[in-house]
C-alpha cells in the first residue's frame, strides 16, 4: 500500500446520525482506519456499531457540550478524546466539531439504531 493524502476540506460532506461528516479513506481497499471531520448538530441520533470502534477528538464545541455513552452524559471540551467500543450506544449533545477515527474503516452497514 502506498501513502495516501486526503484534503478533508475538499471532501463533500454527507449526512450522518450526528450531523455532517467529511470521510477520508473509507473507500480505500486495505486501509486500517478511516478519518472523518464531523460537524455535530444539536439533533444527533443515538446509535451504535457492532464492529467499528470510534475515537472522537473534540476540535471545537459549545460550553455545555457532552457525549452520551450508554445513557450517561460525559462533559467534553476542546482536546477531549473519547474511545467508543462496539456496542456502546452514543450520541453527541450540543454543537461541536470532532475528528473521528474509525477502526476498521467506516461502513454504513454498521450503523445501528434502537
N, C-alpha and C. Protein backbone atom coordinates (compact mmCIF):
# COMPACT_ATOMS: atom_id res chain seq x y z
N UNK A 1 0.85 -1.18 0.00
CA UNK A 1 0.00 0.00 0.00
C UNK A 1 0.90 1.24 0.00
N UNK A 2 0.54 2.22 -0.80
CA UNK A 2 1.27 3.48 -0.87
C UNK A 2 0.61 4.51 0.04
N UNK A 3 1.38 5.52 0.47
CA UNK A 3 0.77 6.60 1.26
C UNK A 3 -0.33 7.30 0.45
N UNK A 4 -1.34 7.75 1.15
CA UNK A 4 -2.46 8.46 0.54
C UNK A 4 -2.67 9.75 1.31
N UNK A 5 -2.82 10.84 0.60
CA UNK A 5 -3.06 12.14 1.21
C UNK A 5 -4.49 12.56 0.90
N UNK A 6 -5.22 12.99 1.90
CA UNK A 6 -6.60 13.46 1.70
C UNK A 6 -6.72 14.89 2.20
N UNK A 7 -7.30 15.74 1.38
CA UNK A 7 -7.64 17.11 1.80
C UNK A 7 -9.08 17.06 2.29
N UNK A 8 -9.25 16.95 3.59
CA UNK A 8 -10.60 16.78 4.14
C UNK A 8 -11.49 17.96 3.78
N UNK A 9 -10.92 19.15 3.63
CA UNK A 9 -11.73 20.31 3.25
C UNK A 9 -12.35 20.16 1.87
N UNK A 10 -11.73 19.37 1.00
CA UNK A 10 -12.26 19.22 -0.36
C UNK A 10 -13.23 18.05 -0.49
N UNK A 11 -13.39 17.26 0.56
CA UNK A 11 -14.33 16.13 0.53
C UNK A 11 -15.73 16.64 0.82
N UNK A 12 -16.68 16.27 -0.02
CA UNK A 12 -18.07 16.72 0.17
C UNK A 12 -18.65 16.10 1.44
N UNK A 13 -19.31 16.92 2.26
CA UNK A 13 -19.93 16.38 3.48
C UNK A 13 -21.14 15.52 3.15
N UNK A 14 -21.34 14.49 3.95
CA UNK A 14 -22.52 13.63 3.83
C UNK A 14 -23.26 13.65 5.16
N UNK A 15 -24.58 13.52 5.08
CA UNK A 15 -25.42 13.50 6.29
C UNK A 15 -25.15 12.21 7.04
N UNK A 16 -25.06 12.30 8.35
CA UNK A 16 -24.87 11.14 9.22
C UNK A 16 -25.75 11.33 10.45
N UNK A 17 -25.85 10.33 11.35
CA UNK A 17 -26.72 10.47 12.52
C UNK A 17 -26.34 11.65 13.42
N UNK A 18 -25.11 12.13 13.29
CA UNK A 18 -24.63 13.21 14.16
C UNK A 18 -24.70 14.59 13.52
N UNK A 19 -24.74 14.65 12.22
CA UNK A 19 -24.72 15.93 11.52
C UNK A 19 -24.21 15.75 10.10
N UNK A 20 -23.01 16.30 9.82
CA UNK A 20 -22.40 16.18 8.50
C UNK A 20 -20.95 15.75 8.65
N UNK A 21 -20.57 14.70 7.91
CA UNK A 21 -19.22 14.14 8.00
C UNK A 21 -18.50 14.25 6.67
N UNK A 22 -17.22 14.58 6.75
CA UNK A 22 -16.32 14.52 5.59
C UNK A 22 -15.40 13.34 5.88
N UNK A 23 -15.55 12.27 5.08
CA UNK A 23 -14.89 10.99 5.38
C UNK A 23 -13.72 10.73 4.43
N UNK A 24 -12.55 10.49 5.01
CA UNK A 24 -11.37 10.15 4.23
C UNK A 24 -11.00 8.69 4.48
N UNK A 25 -10.58 8.01 3.44
CA UNK A 25 -10.02 6.65 3.46
C UNK A 25 -11.04 5.53 3.66
N UNK A 26 -12.32 5.83 3.80
CA UNK A 26 -13.32 4.77 3.99
C UNK A 26 -13.43 3.88 2.76
N UNK A 27 -13.08 4.43 1.60
CA UNK A 27 -13.21 3.66 0.35
C UNK A 27 -11.87 3.12 -0.15
N UNK A 28 -10.83 3.17 0.68
CA UNK A 28 -9.50 2.71 0.27
C UNK A 28 -9.35 1.23 0.64
N UNK A 29 -9.22 0.35 -0.36
CA UNK A 29 -9.06 -1.08 -0.06
C UNK A 29 -7.84 -1.32 0.83
N UNK A 30 -8.05 -2.08 1.90
CA UNK A 30 -6.96 -2.43 2.79
C UNK A 30 -6.60 -1.39 3.83
N UNK A 31 -7.28 -0.24 3.83
CA UNK A 31 -6.98 0.79 4.82
C UNK A 31 -7.33 0.27 6.22
N UNK A 32 -6.50 0.55 7.22
CA UNK A 32 -6.78 0.07 8.57
C UNK A 32 -7.81 0.91 9.31
N UNK A 33 -8.05 2.15 8.83
CA UNK A 33 -8.96 3.07 9.52
C UNK A 33 -9.46 4.11 8.53
N UNK A 34 -10.51 4.81 8.91
CA UNK A 34 -10.94 5.99 8.17
C UNK A 34 -10.94 7.16 9.14
N UNK A 35 -10.83 8.37 8.59
CA UNK A 35 -10.76 9.59 9.39
C UNK A 35 -11.86 10.52 8.90
N UNK A 36 -12.65 11.04 9.84
CA UNK A 36 -13.77 11.91 9.48
C UNK A 36 -13.69 13.20 10.28
N UNK A 37 -13.96 14.32 9.63
CA UNK A 37 -14.22 15.55 10.38
C UNK A 37 -15.73 15.71 10.34
N UNK A 38 -16.34 15.73 11.51
CA UNK A 38 -17.79 15.75 11.61
C UNK A 38 -18.26 17.00 12.34
N UNK A 39 -19.20 17.69 11.70
CA UNK A 39 -19.86 18.84 12.30
C UNK A 39 -21.11 18.28 12.99
N UNK A 40 -21.10 18.29 14.32
CA UNK A 40 -22.20 17.74 15.10
C UNK A 40 -23.29 18.80 15.23
N UNK A 41 -24.51 18.38 14.96
CA UNK A 41 -25.67 19.25 15.12
C UNK A 41 -26.36 18.96 16.44
N UNK A 42 -27.25 19.80 16.85
CA UNK A 42 -27.96 19.61 18.11
C UNK A 42 -28.89 18.39 18.09
N UNK A 43 -29.19 17.86 16.90
CA UNK A 43 -30.15 16.77 16.78
C UNK A 43 -29.48 15.41 16.54
N UNK A 44 -28.29 15.19 17.07
CA UNK A 44 -27.59 13.92 16.87
C UNK A 44 -28.44 12.76 17.37
N UNK A 45 -28.47 11.66 16.60
CA UNK A 45 -29.25 10.48 16.96
C UNK A 45 -28.40 9.47 17.70
N UNK A 46 -28.99 8.84 18.70
CA UNK A 46 -28.30 7.76 19.40
C UNK A 46 -28.15 6.59 18.44
N UNK A 47 -26.95 6.04 18.38
CA UNK A 47 -26.68 4.90 17.51
C UNK A 47 -25.53 4.10 18.11
N UNK A 48 -25.23 2.97 17.49
CA UNK A 48 -24.10 2.15 17.91
C UNK A 48 -23.57 1.38 16.72
N UNK A 49 -22.44 0.74 16.92
CA UNK A 49 -21.80 -0.07 15.88
C UNK A 49 -21.52 -1.44 16.47
N UNK A 50 -21.66 -2.47 15.67
CA UNK A 50 -21.40 -3.83 16.14
C UNK A 50 -19.95 -4.23 15.92
N UNK A 51 -19.26 -3.58 14.97
CA UNK A 51 -17.90 -3.95 14.61
C UNK A 51 -16.91 -2.80 14.83
N UNK A 52 -17.29 -1.61 14.47
CA UNK A 52 -16.38 -0.47 14.46
C UNK A 52 -16.15 0.13 15.85
N UNK A 53 -14.90 0.52 16.10
CA UNK A 53 -14.55 1.35 17.26
C UNK A 53 -14.34 2.76 16.73
N UNK A 54 -14.97 3.73 17.39
CA UNK A 54 -14.78 5.12 17.01
C UNK A 54 -14.00 5.84 18.10
N UNK A 55 -13.11 6.71 17.69
CA UNK A 55 -12.42 7.59 18.63
C UNK A 55 -12.70 9.02 18.21
N UNK A 56 -13.40 9.73 19.08
CA UNK A 56 -13.72 11.14 18.83
C UNK A 56 -12.64 12.00 19.48
N UNK A 57 -12.20 13.02 18.75
CA UNK A 57 -11.32 14.04 19.31
C UNK A 57 -12.00 15.38 19.07
N UNK A 58 -12.31 16.09 20.13
CA UNK A 58 -13.08 17.33 20.03
C UNK A 58 -12.17 18.47 19.58
N UNK A 59 -12.51 19.04 18.42
CA UNK A 59 -11.77 20.18 17.86
C UNK A 59 -12.37 21.51 18.30
N UNK A 60 -13.69 21.59 18.33
CA UNK A 60 -14.43 22.78 18.74
C UNK A 60 -15.71 22.31 19.40
N UNK A 61 -16.23 23.09 20.37
CA UNK A 61 -17.51 22.73 20.95
C UNK A 61 -18.10 23.89 21.73
N UNK A 62 -19.42 23.80 21.95
CA UNK A 62 -20.12 24.74 22.82
C UNK A 62 -19.70 24.48 24.26
N UNK A 63 -19.95 25.45 25.11
CA UNK A 63 -19.56 25.34 26.52
C UNK A 63 -20.23 24.17 27.23
N UNK A 64 -21.45 23.82 26.84
CA UNK A 64 -22.19 22.76 27.53
C UNK A 64 -22.22 21.44 26.76
N UNK A 65 -21.27 21.22 25.86
CA UNK A 65 -21.27 20.03 25.02
C UNK A 65 -20.96 18.78 25.86
N UNK A 66 -21.50 17.66 25.39
CA UNK A 66 -21.30 16.39 26.08
C UNK A 66 -21.41 15.24 25.08
N UNK A 67 -20.96 14.08 25.49
CA UNK A 67 -21.17 12.84 24.76
C UNK A 67 -22.01 11.95 25.66
N UNK A 68 -23.07 11.40 25.10
CA UNK A 68 -23.88 10.44 25.85
C UNK A 68 -23.38 9.05 25.50
N UNK A 69 -22.98 8.30 26.52
CA UNK A 69 -22.45 6.95 26.36
C UNK A 69 -23.30 5.99 27.19
N UNK A 70 -24.08 5.15 26.50
CA UNK A 70 -25.00 4.23 27.18
C UNK A 70 -25.84 4.94 28.23
N UNK A 71 -26.36 6.12 27.87
CA UNK A 71 -27.27 6.87 28.73
C UNK A 71 -26.60 7.82 29.70
N UNK A 72 -25.28 7.77 29.83
CA UNK A 72 -24.57 8.66 30.76
C UNK A 72 -23.97 9.84 30.00
N UNK A 73 -24.28 11.06 30.45
CA UNK A 73 -23.73 12.26 29.83
C UNK A 73 -22.33 12.53 30.38
N UNK A 74 -21.38 12.68 29.48
CA UNK A 74 -19.99 12.97 29.84
C UNK A 74 -19.63 14.32 29.23
N UNK A 75 -19.36 15.34 30.05
CA UNK A 75 -19.00 16.64 29.51
C UNK A 75 -17.71 16.55 28.69
N UNK A 76 -17.63 17.35 27.62
CA UNK A 76 -16.43 17.40 26.79
C UNK A 76 -16.00 18.85 26.59
N UNK A 77 -14.76 19.02 26.23
CA UNK A 77 -14.19 20.33 25.91
C UNK A 77 -13.19 20.14 24.78
N UNK A 78 -12.72 21.22 24.21
CA UNK A 78 -11.70 21.12 23.17
C UNK A 78 -10.52 20.32 23.71
N UNK A 79 -10.09 19.33 22.93
CA UNK A 79 -8.98 18.48 23.35
C UNK A 79 -9.39 17.18 24.00
N UNK A 80 -10.69 16.98 24.27
CA UNK A 80 -11.17 15.72 24.85
C UNK A 80 -11.14 14.63 23.78
N UNK A 81 -10.69 13.43 24.15
CA UNK A 81 -10.73 12.26 23.28
C UNK A 81 -11.58 11.19 23.95
N UNK A 82 -12.43 10.54 23.16
CA UNK A 82 -13.33 9.51 23.68
C UNK A 82 -13.23 8.29 22.78
N UNK A 83 -12.86 7.14 23.31
CA UNK A 83 -12.85 5.91 22.54
C UNK A 83 -14.17 5.18 22.81
N UNK A 84 -14.89 4.88 21.74
CA UNK A 84 -16.22 4.27 21.85
C UNK A 84 -16.18 2.87 21.22
N UNK A 85 -16.13 1.82 22.06
CA UNK A 85 -16.05 0.47 21.53
C UNK A 85 -17.39 0.02 20.92
N UNK A 86 -17.35 -1.05 20.13
CA UNK A 86 -18.58 -1.58 19.57
C UNK A 86 -19.61 -1.88 20.66
N UNK A 87 -20.88 -1.65 20.34
CA UNK A 87 -21.98 -1.94 21.25
C UNK A 87 -22.39 -0.80 22.15
N UNK A 88 -21.57 0.23 22.27
CA UNK A 88 -21.89 1.36 23.15
C UNK A 88 -22.81 2.32 22.39
N UNK A 89 -24.03 2.52 22.94
CA UNK A 89 -24.94 3.50 22.36
C UNK A 89 -24.39 4.88 22.67
N UNK A 90 -24.34 5.73 21.63
CA UNK A 90 -23.72 7.03 21.83
C UNK A 90 -24.33 8.09 20.92
N UNK A 91 -24.16 9.33 21.38
CA UNK A 91 -24.53 10.49 20.58
C UNK A 91 -23.85 11.70 21.18
N UNK A 92 -23.64 12.69 20.33
CA UNK A 92 -23.11 13.96 20.80
C UNK A 92 -24.27 14.86 21.18
N UNK A 93 -24.08 15.64 22.23
CA UNK A 93 -25.11 16.56 22.72
C UNK A 93 -24.53 17.97 22.64
N UNK A 94 -25.16 18.82 21.86
CA UNK A 94 -24.65 20.17 21.65
C UNK A 94 -23.82 20.23 20.38
N UNK A 95 -23.64 21.42 19.90
CA UNK A 95 -22.87 21.61 18.68
C UNK A 95 -21.39 21.44 18.96
N UNK A 96 -20.72 20.71 18.05
CA UNK A 96 -19.28 20.54 18.16
C UNK A 96 -18.72 20.06 16.84
N UNK A 97 -17.43 20.18 16.69
CA UNK A 97 -16.71 19.63 15.55
C UNK A 97 -15.71 18.63 16.10
N UNK A 98 -15.73 17.43 15.53
CA UNK A 98 -14.83 16.38 16.01
C UNK A 98 -14.02 15.80 14.86
N UNK A 99 -12.89 15.23 15.20
CA UNK A 99 -12.16 14.35 14.32
C UNK A 99 -12.51 12.95 14.80
N UNK A 100 -12.96 12.10 13.92
CA UNK A 100 -13.41 10.75 14.27
C UNK A 100 -12.54 9.75 13.53
N UNK A 101 -11.83 8.91 14.28
CA UNK A 101 -11.02 7.85 13.68
C UNK A 101 -11.79 6.55 13.87
N UNK A 102 -12.09 5.87 12.77
CA UNK A 102 -12.94 4.68 12.80
C UNK A 102 -12.12 3.45 12.39
N UNK A 103 -12.13 2.42 13.26
CA UNK A 103 -11.39 1.18 13.03
C UNK A 103 -12.34 0.01 13.20
N UNK A 104 -12.45 -0.91 12.25
CA UNK A 104 -11.98 -0.79 10.88
C UNK A 104 -12.67 0.38 10.19
N UNK A 105 -12.28 0.70 8.94
CA UNK A 105 -12.85 1.88 8.28
C UNK A 105 -14.37 1.88 8.27
N UNK A 106 -14.91 3.09 8.25
CA UNK A 106 -16.36 3.28 8.29
C UNK A 106 -17.08 2.45 7.24
N UNK A 107 -18.18 1.84 7.68
CA UNK A 107 -19.08 1.09 6.81
C UNK A 107 -20.49 1.42 7.25
N UNK A 108 -21.25 2.04 6.37
CA UNK A 108 -22.62 2.46 6.69
C UNK A 108 -23.49 1.31 7.19
N UNK A 109 -23.17 0.09 6.76
CA UNK A 109 -23.94 -1.10 7.18
C UNK A 109 -23.75 -1.39 8.68
N UNK A 110 -22.77 -0.74 9.32
CA UNK A 110 -22.53 -0.98 10.75
C UNK A 110 -23.03 0.18 11.61
N UNK A 111 -24.05 0.89 11.15
CA UNK A 111 -24.73 1.90 11.96
C UNK A 111 -26.07 1.32 12.37
N UNK A 112 -26.30 1.23 13.68
CA UNK A 112 -27.49 0.59 14.21
C UNK A 112 -28.24 1.56 15.12
N UNK A 113 -29.57 1.46 15.07
CA UNK A 113 -30.45 2.32 15.87
C UNK A 113 -31.45 1.44 16.60
N UNK A 114 -31.77 1.79 17.85
CA UNK A 114 -32.77 1.04 18.62
C UNK A 114 -34.17 1.49 18.24
